[in-house]
Amino acid sequence: MRLDILGLVPAMDIATAQDLPMSVTGGWAKVDFATGESETSMSNTVNLPVNAPSTDNLIHAAPTLATGLQYLYC
């Protein structure tokens, strides 16, 4: 799966010290509240210079848990 963060311009949208790069990592969790089971998979980390014109993609595999609610976060 690929997670796109559309329209993110680090220089305008992220508060960071001057000229320091930023890193973005995403997660995909699946939680079954009935059974108490959960699983999370993490994406690759994308390093962006603060003056980057746009985002890159986060790519990771889906959790294998058969049931439950899904949550995407970064």
PDB file of N, CA and C in Angstrom:
ATOM      1  N   MET A   1       0.839  -1.176   0.000  1.00  0.00           N
ATOM      2  CA  MET A   1       0.000   0.000   0.000  1.00  0.00           C
ATOM      3  C   MET A   1       0.883   1.237   0.000  1.00  0.00           C
ATOM      4  N   ARG A   2       0.410   2.270  -0.641  1.00  0.00           N
ATOM      5  CA  ARG A   2       1.128   3.535  -0.678  1.00  0.00           C
ATOM      6  C   ARG A   2       0.269   4.590  -0.005  1.00  0.00           C
ATOM      7  N   LEU A   3       0.867   5.368   0.880  1.00  0.00           N
ATOM      8  CA  LEU A   3       0.166   6.455   1.562  1.00  0.00           C
ATOM      9  C   LEU A   3       0.729   7.761   1.042  1.00  0.00           C
ATOM     10  N   ASP A   4      -0.090   8.547   0.369  1.00  0.00           N
ATOM     11  CA  ASP A   4       0.326   9.849  -0.151  1.00  0.00           C
ATOM     12  C   ASP A   4      -0.150  10.941   0.791  1.00  0.00           C
ATOM     13  N   ILE A   5       0.716  11.871   1.091  1.00  0.00           N
ATOM     14  CA  ILE A   5       0.346  13.050   1.873  1.00  0.00           C
ATOM     15  C   ILE A   5       0.279  14.187   0.861  1.00  0.00           C
ATOM     16  N   LEU A   6      -0.891  14.420   0.334  1.00  0.00           N
ATOM     17  CA  LEU A   6      -1.060  15.352  -0.772  1.00  0.00           C
ATOM     18  C   LEU A   6      -0.959  16.805  -0.304  1.00  0.00           C
ATOM     19  N   GLY A   7      -0.242  17.587  -1.073  1.00  0.00           N
ATOM     20  CA  GLY A   7      -0.178  19.016  -0.830  1.00  0.00           C
ATOM     21  C   GLY A   7       0.724  19.448   0.299  1.00  0.00           C
ATOM     22  N   LEU A   8       1.485  18.549   0.891  1.00  0.00           N
ATOM     23  CA  LEU A   8       2.401  18.920   1.971  1.00  0.00           C
ATOM     24  C   LEU A   8       3.643  19.577   1.385  1.00  0.00           C
ATOM     25  N   VAL A   9       3.904  20.792   1.788  1.00  0.00           N
ATOM     26  CA  VAL A   9       5.122  21.513   1.401  1.00  0.00           C
ATOM     27  C   VAL A   9       5.869  21.771   2.707  1.00  0.00           C
ATOM     28  N   PRO A  10       6.956  21.019   2.986  1.00  0.00           N
ATOM     29  CA  PRO A  10       7.629  21.111   4.276  1.00  0.00           C
ATOM     30  C   PRO A  10       7.963  22.535   4.714  1.00  0.00           C
ATOM     31  N   ALA A  11       8.431  23.374   3.805  1.00  0.00           N
ATOM     32  CA  ALA A  11       8.826  24.734   4.181  1.00  0.00           C
ATOM     33  C   ALA A  11       7.638  25.548   4.691  1.00  0.00           C
ATOM     34  N   MET A  12       6.430  25.221   4.233  1.00  0.00           N
ATOM     35  CA  MET A  12       5.251  25.984   4.641  1.00  0.00           C
ATOM     36  C   MET A  12       4.451  25.279   5.730  1.00  0.00           C
ATOM     37  N   ASP A  13       4.494  23.954   5.800  1.00  0.00           N
ATOM     38  CA  ASP A  13       3.591  23.197   6.662  1.00  0.00           C
ATOM     39  C   ASP A  13       4.235  22.584   7.902  1.00  0.00           C
ATOM     40  N   ILE A  14       5.558  22.582   7.990  1.00  0.00           N
ATOM     41  CA  ILE A  14       6.261  21.945   9.105  1.00  0.00           C
ATOM     42  C   ILE A  14       7.127  22.972   9.814  1.00  0.00           C
ATOM     43  N   ALA A  15       7.000  23.030  11.139  1.00  0.00           N
ATOM     44  CA  ALA A  15       7.850  23.921  11.931  1.00  0.00           C
ATOM     45  C   ALA A  15       9.122  23.165  12.295  1.00  0.00           C
ATOM     46  N   THR A  16      10.265  23.647  11.820  1.00  0.00           N
ATOM     47  CA  THR A  16      11.554  23.018  12.100  1.00  0.00           C
ATOM     48  C   THR A  16      12.633  24.089  12.141  1.00  0.00           C
ATOM     49  N   ALA A  17      13.756  23.749  12.721  1.00  0.00           N
ATOM     50  CA  ALA A  17      14.879  24.684  12.737  1.00  0.00           C
ATOM     51  C   ALA A  17      15.346  24.926  11.299  1.00  0.00           C
ATOM     52  N   GLN A  18      15.909  26.058  11.049  1.00  0.00           N
ATOM     53  CA  GLN A  18      16.349  26.449   9.710  1.00  0.00           C
ATOM     54  C   GLN A  18      17.241  25.390   9.066  1.00  0.00           C
ATOM     55  N   ASP A  19      16.895  24.980   7.860  1.00  0.00           N
ATOM     56  CA  ASP A  19      17.685  24.087   7.016  1.00  0.00           C
ATOM     57  C   ASP A  19      17.852  22.669   7.547  1.00  0.00           C
ATOM     58  N   LEU A  20      17.091  22.255   8.552  1.00  0.00           N
ATOM     59  CA  LEU A  20      17.166  20.868   9.017  1.00  0.00           C
ATOM     60  C   LEU A  20      16.164  20.021   8.243  1.00  0.00           C
ATOM     61  N   PRO A  21      16.543  18.800   7.856  1.00  0.00           N
ATOM     62  CA  PRO A  21      15.600  17.929   7.153  1.00  0.00           C
ATOM     63  C   PRO A  21      14.560  17.370   8.118  1.00  0.00           C
ATOM     64  N   MET A  22      13.502  16.834   7.571  1.00  0.00           N
ATOM     65  CA  MET A  22      12.482  16.182   8.389  1.00  0.00           C
ATOM     66  C   MET A  22      12.319  14.755   7.891  1.00  0.00           C
ATOM     67  N   SER A  23      11.828  13.882   8.751  1.00  0.00           N
ATOM     68  CA  SER A  23      11.562  12.496   8.389  1.00  0.00           C
ATOM     69  C   SER A  23      10.100  12.196   8.683  1.00  0.00           C
ATOM     70  N   VAL A  24       9.467  11.422   7.790  1.00  0.00           N
ATOM     71  CA  VAL A  24       8.066  11.034   7.954  1.00  0.00           C
ATOM     72  C   VAL A  24       7.982   9.519   7.866  1.00  0.00           C
ATOM     73  N   THR A  25       7.292   8.918   8.826  1.00  0.00           N
ATOM     74  CA  THR A  25       7.043   7.484   8.843  1.00  0.00           C
ATOM     75  C   THR A  25       5.552   7.285   9.095  1.00  0.00           C
ATOM     76  N   GLY A  26       4.953   6.315   8.434  1.00  0.00           N
ATOM     77  CA  GLY A  26       3.527   6.049   8.626  1.00  0.00           C
ATOM     78  C   GLY A  26       3.307   4.687   9.246  1.00  0.00           C
ATOM     79  N   GLY A  27       2.147   4.521   9.815  1.00  0.00           N
ATOM     80  CA  GLY A  27       1.768   3.243  10.397  1.00  0.00           C
ATOM     81  C   GLY A  27       0.368   2.855   9.966  1.00  0.00           C
ATOM     82  N   TRP A  28       0.129   1.560   9.950  1.00  0.00           N
ATOM     83  CA  TRP A  28      -1.185   1.025   9.605  1.00  0.00           C
ATOM     84  C   TRP A  28      -1.503   0.011  10.692  1.00  0.00           C
ATOM     85  N   ALA A  29      -2.502   0.298  11.501  1.00  0.00           N
ATOM     86  CA  ALA A  29      -2.868  -0.592  12.597  1.00  0.00           C
ATOM     87  C   ALA A  29      -4.231  -1.212  12.337  1.00  0.00           C
ATOM     88  N   LYS A  30      -4.380  -2.424  12.800  1.00  0.00           N
ATOM     89  CA  LYS A  30      -5.668  -3.099  12.764  1.00  0.00           C
ATOM     90  C   LYS A  30      -5.945  -3.581  14.180  1.00  0.00           C
ATOM     91  N   VAL A  31      -7.101  -3.222  14.733  1.00  0.00           N
ATOM     92  CA  VAL A  31      -7.443  -3.553  16.119  1.00  0.00           C
ATOM     93  C   VAL A  31      -8.801  -4.240  16.151  1.00  0.00           C
ATOM     94  N   ASP A  32      -8.843  -5.422  16.766  1.00  0.00           N
ATOM     95  CA  ASP A  32     -10.105  -6.138  16.966  1.00  0.00           C
ATOM     96  C   ASP A  32     -10.453  -6.001  18.442  1.00  0.00           C
ATOM     97  N   PHE A  33     -11.367  -5.096  18.751  1.00  0.00           N
ATOM     98  CA  PHE A  33     -11.723  -4.833  20.145  1.00  0.00           C
ATOM     99  C   PHE A  33     -12.471  -5.996  20.785  1.00  0.00           C
ATOM    100  N   ALA A  34     -13.118  -6.842  19.990  1.00  0.00           N
ATOM    101  CA  ALA A  34     -13.845  -7.991  20.523  1.00  0.00           C
ATOM    102  C   ALA A  34     -12.896  -9.056  21.058  1.00  0.00           C
ATOM    103  N   THR A  35     -11.780  -9.277  20.360  1.00  0.00           N
ATOM    104  CA  THR A  35     -10.846 -10.324  20.780  1.00  0.00           C
ATOM    105  C   THR A  35      -9.633  -9.776  21.527  1.00  0.00           C
ATOM    106  N   GLY A  36      -9.418  -8.448  21.431  1.00  0.00           N
ATOM    107  CA  GLY A  36      -8.242  -7.838  22.063  1.00  0.00           C
ATOM    108  C   GLY A  36      -6.978  -7.961  21.225  1.00  0.00           C
ATOM    109  N   GLU A  37      -7.091  -8.492  20.012  1.00  0.00           N
ATOM    110  CA  GLU A  37      -5.927  -8.633  19.135  1.00  0.00           C
ATOM    111  C   GLU A  37      -5.658  -7.328  18.389  1.00  0.00           C
ATOM    112  N   SER A  38      -4.385  -7.087  18.121  1.00  0.00           N
ATOM    113  CA  SER A  38      -4.009  -5.921  17.321  1.00  0.00           C
ATOM    114  C   SER A  38      -2.702  -6.205  16.593  1.00  0.00           C
ATOM    115  N   GLU A  39      -2.493  -5.460  15.521  1.00  0.00           N
ATOM    116  CA  GLU A  39      -1.264  -5.588  14.742  1.00  0.00           C
ATOM    117  C   GLU A  39      -0.984  -4.251  14.071  1.00  0.00           C
ATOM    118  N   THR A  40       0.282  -3.863  14.006  1.00  0.00           N
ATOM    119  CA  THR A  40       0.679  -2.624  13.353  1.00  0.00           C
ATOM    120  C   THR A  40       1.826  -2.906  12.399  1.00  0.00           C
ATOM    121  N   SER A  41       1.772  -2.309  11.213  1.00  0.00           N
ATOM    122  CA  SER A  41       2.904  -2.351  10.301  1.00  0.00           C
ATOM    123  C   SER A  41       3.369  -0.924  10.052  1.00  0.00           C
ATOM    124  N   MET A  42       4.668  -0.741   9.977  1.00  0.00           N
ATOM    125  CA  MET A  42       5.251   0.588   9.785  1.00  0.00           C
ATOM    126  C   MET A  42       5.791   0.709   8.362  1.00  0.00           C
ATOM    127  N   SER A  43       5.710   1.920   7.817  1.00  0.00           N
ATOM    128  CA  SER A  43       6.197   2.191   6.468  1.00  0.00           C
ATOM    129  C   SER A  43       7.695   2.446   6.478  1.00  0.00           C
ATOM    130  N   ASN A  44       8.190   2.655   5.283  1.00  0.00           N
ATOM    131  CA  ASN A  44       9.549   3.163   5.140  1.00  0.00           C
ATOM    132  C   ASN A  44       9.593   4.590   5.697  1.00  0.00           C
ATOM    133  N   THR A  45      10.760   5.100   5.965  1.00  0.00           N
ATOM    134  CA  THR A  45      10.918   6.483   6.399  1.00  0.00           C
ATOM    135  C   THR A  45      11.376   7.311   5.218  1.00  0.00           C
ATOM    136  N   VAL A  46      10.678   8.411   4.975  1.00  0.00           N
ATOM    137  CA  VAL A  46      11.019   9.316   3.890  1.00  0.00           C
ATOM    138  C   VAL A  46      11.671  10.548   4.505  1.00  0.00           C
ATOM    139  N   ASN A  47      12.891  10.851   4.066  1.00  0.00           N
ATOM    140  CA  ASN A  47      13.608  12.039   4.546  1.00  0.00           C
ATOM    141  C   ASN A  47      13.418  13.161   3.533  1.00  0.00           C
ATOM    142  N   LEU A  48      12.967  14.302   4.014  1.00  0.00           N
ATOM    143  CA  LEU A  48      12.703  15.442   3.139  1.00  0.00           C
ATOM    144  C   LEU A  48      13.475  16.662   3.612  1.00  0.00           C
ATOM    145  N   PRO A  49      14.152  17.345   2.712  1.00  0.00           N
ATOM    146  CA  PRO A  49      14.729  18.627   3.101  1.00  0.00           C
ATOM    147  C   PRO A  49      13.585  19.602   3.351  1.00  0.00           C
ATOM    148  N   VAL A  50      13.788  20.525   4.269  1.00  0.00           N
ATOM    149  CA  VAL A  50      12.713  21.453   4.624  1.00  0.00           C
ATOM    150  C   VAL A  50      12.282  22.298   3.431  1.00  0.00           C
ATOM    151  N   ASN A  51      13.138  22.469   2.444  1.00  0.00           N
ATOM    152  CA  ASN A  51      12.772  23.251   1.269  1.00  0.00           C
ATOM    153  C   ASN A  51      12.291  22.376   0.108  1.00  0.00           C
ATOM    154  N   ALA A  52      11.925  21.115   0.395  1.00  0.00           N
ATOM    155  CA  ALA A  52      11.423  20.222  -0.652  1.00  0.00           C
ATOM    156  C   ALA A  52      10.119  20.779  -1.216  1.00  0.00           C
ATOM    157  N   PRO A  53       9.920  20.673  -2.530  1.00  0.00           N
ATOM    158  CA  PRO A  53       8.713  21.235  -3.131  1.00  0.00           C
ATOM    159  C   PRO A  53       7.446  20.441  -2.835  1.00  0.00           C
ATOM    160  N   SER A  54       7.578  19.134  -2.580  1.00  0.00           N
ATOM    161  CA  SER A  54       6.400  18.311  -2.311  1.00  0.00           C
ATOM    162  C   SER A  54       6.813  17.050  -1.577  1.00  0.00           C
ATOM    163  N   THR A  55       5.847  16.193  -1.260  1.00  0.00           N
ATOM    164  CA  THR A  55       6.112  14.980  -0.501  1.00  0.00           C
ATOM    165  C   THR A  55       6.583  13.840  -1.378  1.00  0.00           C
ATOM    166  N   ASP A  56       7.019  12.783  -0.721  1.00  0.00           N
ATOM    167  CA  ASP A  56       7.317  11.515  -1.355  1.00  0.00           C
ATOM    168  C   ASP A  56       6.252  10.539  -0.859  1.00  0.00           C
ATOM    169  N   ASN A  57       6.370   9.282  -1.206  1.00  0.00           N
ATOM    170  CA  ASN A  57       5.376   8.293  -0.815  1.00  0.00           C
ATOM    171  C   ASN A  57       5.870   7.440   0.343  1.00  0.00           C
ATOM    172  N   LEU A  58       4.936   7.056   1.191  1.00  0.00           N
ATOM    173  CA  LEU A  58       5.215   6.086   2.248  1.00  0.00           C
ATOM    174  C   LEU A  58       4.626   4.759   1.794  1.00  0.00           C
ATOM    175  N   ILE A  59       5.422   3.695   1.865  1.00  0.00           N
ATOM    176  CA  ILE A  59       4.977   2.395   1.371  1.00  0.00           C
ATOM    177  C   ILE A  59       5.122   1.371   2.496  1.00  0.00           C
ATOM    178  N   HIS A  60       4.061   0.601   2.730  1.00  0.00           N
ATOM    179  CA  HIS A  60       4.158  -0.472   3.714  1.00  0.00           C
ATOM    180  C   HIS A  60       3.112  -1.542   3.456  1.00  0.00           C
ATOM    181  N   ALA A  61       3.338  -2.715   4.026  1.00  0.00           N
ATOM    182  CA  ALA A  61       2.431  -3.846   3.863  1.00  0.00           C
ATOM    183  C   ALA A  61       1.265  -3.723   4.839  1.00  0.00           C
ATOM    184  N   ALA A  62       0.143  -4.284   4.457  1.00  0.00           N
ATOM    185  CA  ALA A  62      -1.039  -4.274   5.308  1.00  0.00           C
ATOM    186  C   ALA A  62      -0.862  -5.243   6.470  1.00  0.00           C
ATOM    187  N   PRO A  63      -1.448  -4.924   7.625  1.00  0.00           N
ATOM    188  CA  PRO A  63      -1.464  -5.899   8.714  1.00  0.00           C
ATOM    189  C   PRO A  63      -2.201  -7.160   8.258  1.00  0.00           C
ATOM    190  N   THR A  64      -1.817  -8.306   8.780  1.00  0.00           N
ATOM    191  CA  THR A  64      -2.412  -9.571   8.352  1.00  0.00           C
ATOM    192  C   THR A  64      -3.573 -10.013   9.225  1.00  0.00           C
ATOM    193  N   LEU A  65      -3.854  -9.314  10.307  1.00  0.00           N
ATOM    194  CA  LEU A  65      -4.968  -9.641  11.193  1.00  0.00           C
ATOM    195  C   LEU A  65      -6.257  -9.649  10.375  1.00  0.00           C
ATOM    196  N   ALA A  66      -7.051 -10.730  10.487  1.00  0.00           N
ATOM    197  CA  ALA A  66      -8.211 -10.920   9.611  1.00  0.00           C
ATOM    198  C   ALA A  66      -9.365  -9.964   9.909  1.00  0.00           C
ATOM    199  N   THR A  67      -9.562  -9.619  11.168  1.00  0.00           N
ATOM    200  CA  THR A  67     -10.711  -8.792  11.528  1.00  0.00           C
ATOM    201  C   THR A  67     -10.265  -7.559  12.300  1.00  0.00           C
ATOM    202  N   GLY A  68     -11.151  -6.593  12.401  1.00  0.00           N
ATOM    203  CA  GLY A  68     -10.851  -5.426  13.215  1.00  0.00           C
ATOM    204  C   GLY A  68     -10.959  -4.126  12.442  1.00  0.00           C
ATOM    205  N   LEU A  69     -10.865  -3.025  13.180  1.00  0.00           N
ATOM    206  CA  LEU A  69     -10.897  -1.697  12.598  1.00  0.00           C
ATOM    207  C   LEU A  69      -9.498  -1.314  12.155  1.00  0.00           C
ATOM    208  N   GLN A  70      -9.403  -0.536  11.057  1.00  0.00           N
ATOM    209  CA  GLN A  70      -8.114  -0.143  10.523  1.00  0.00           C
ATOM    210  C   GLN A  70      -7.862   1.340  10.790  1.00  0.00           C
ATOM    211  N   TYR A  71      -6.617   1.663  11.126  1.00  0.00           N
ATOM    212  CA  TYR A  71      -6.197   3.037  11.393  1.00  0.00           C
ATOM    213  C   TYR A  71      -4.912   3.322  10.629  1.00  0.00           C
ATOM    214  N   LEU A  72      -4.876   4.421   9.903  1.00  0.00           N
ATOM    215  CA  LEU A  72      -3.660   4.884   9.228  1.00  0.00           C
ATOM    216  C   LEU A  72      -3.192   6.146   9.925  1.00  0.00           C
ATOM    217  N   TYR A  73      -1.889   6.253  10.171  1.00  0.00           N
ATOM    218  CA  TYR A  73      -1.363   7.427  10.857  1.00  0.00           C
ATOM    219  C   TYR A  73       0.067   7.681  10.400  1.00  0.00           C
ATOM    220  N   CYS A  74       0.525   8.916  10.578  1.00  0.00           N
ATOM    221  CA  CYS A  74       1.916   9.265  10.283  1.00  0.00           C
ATOM    222  C   CYS A  74       2.369  10.355  11.220  1.00  0.00           C
TER     223      CYS A  74
END
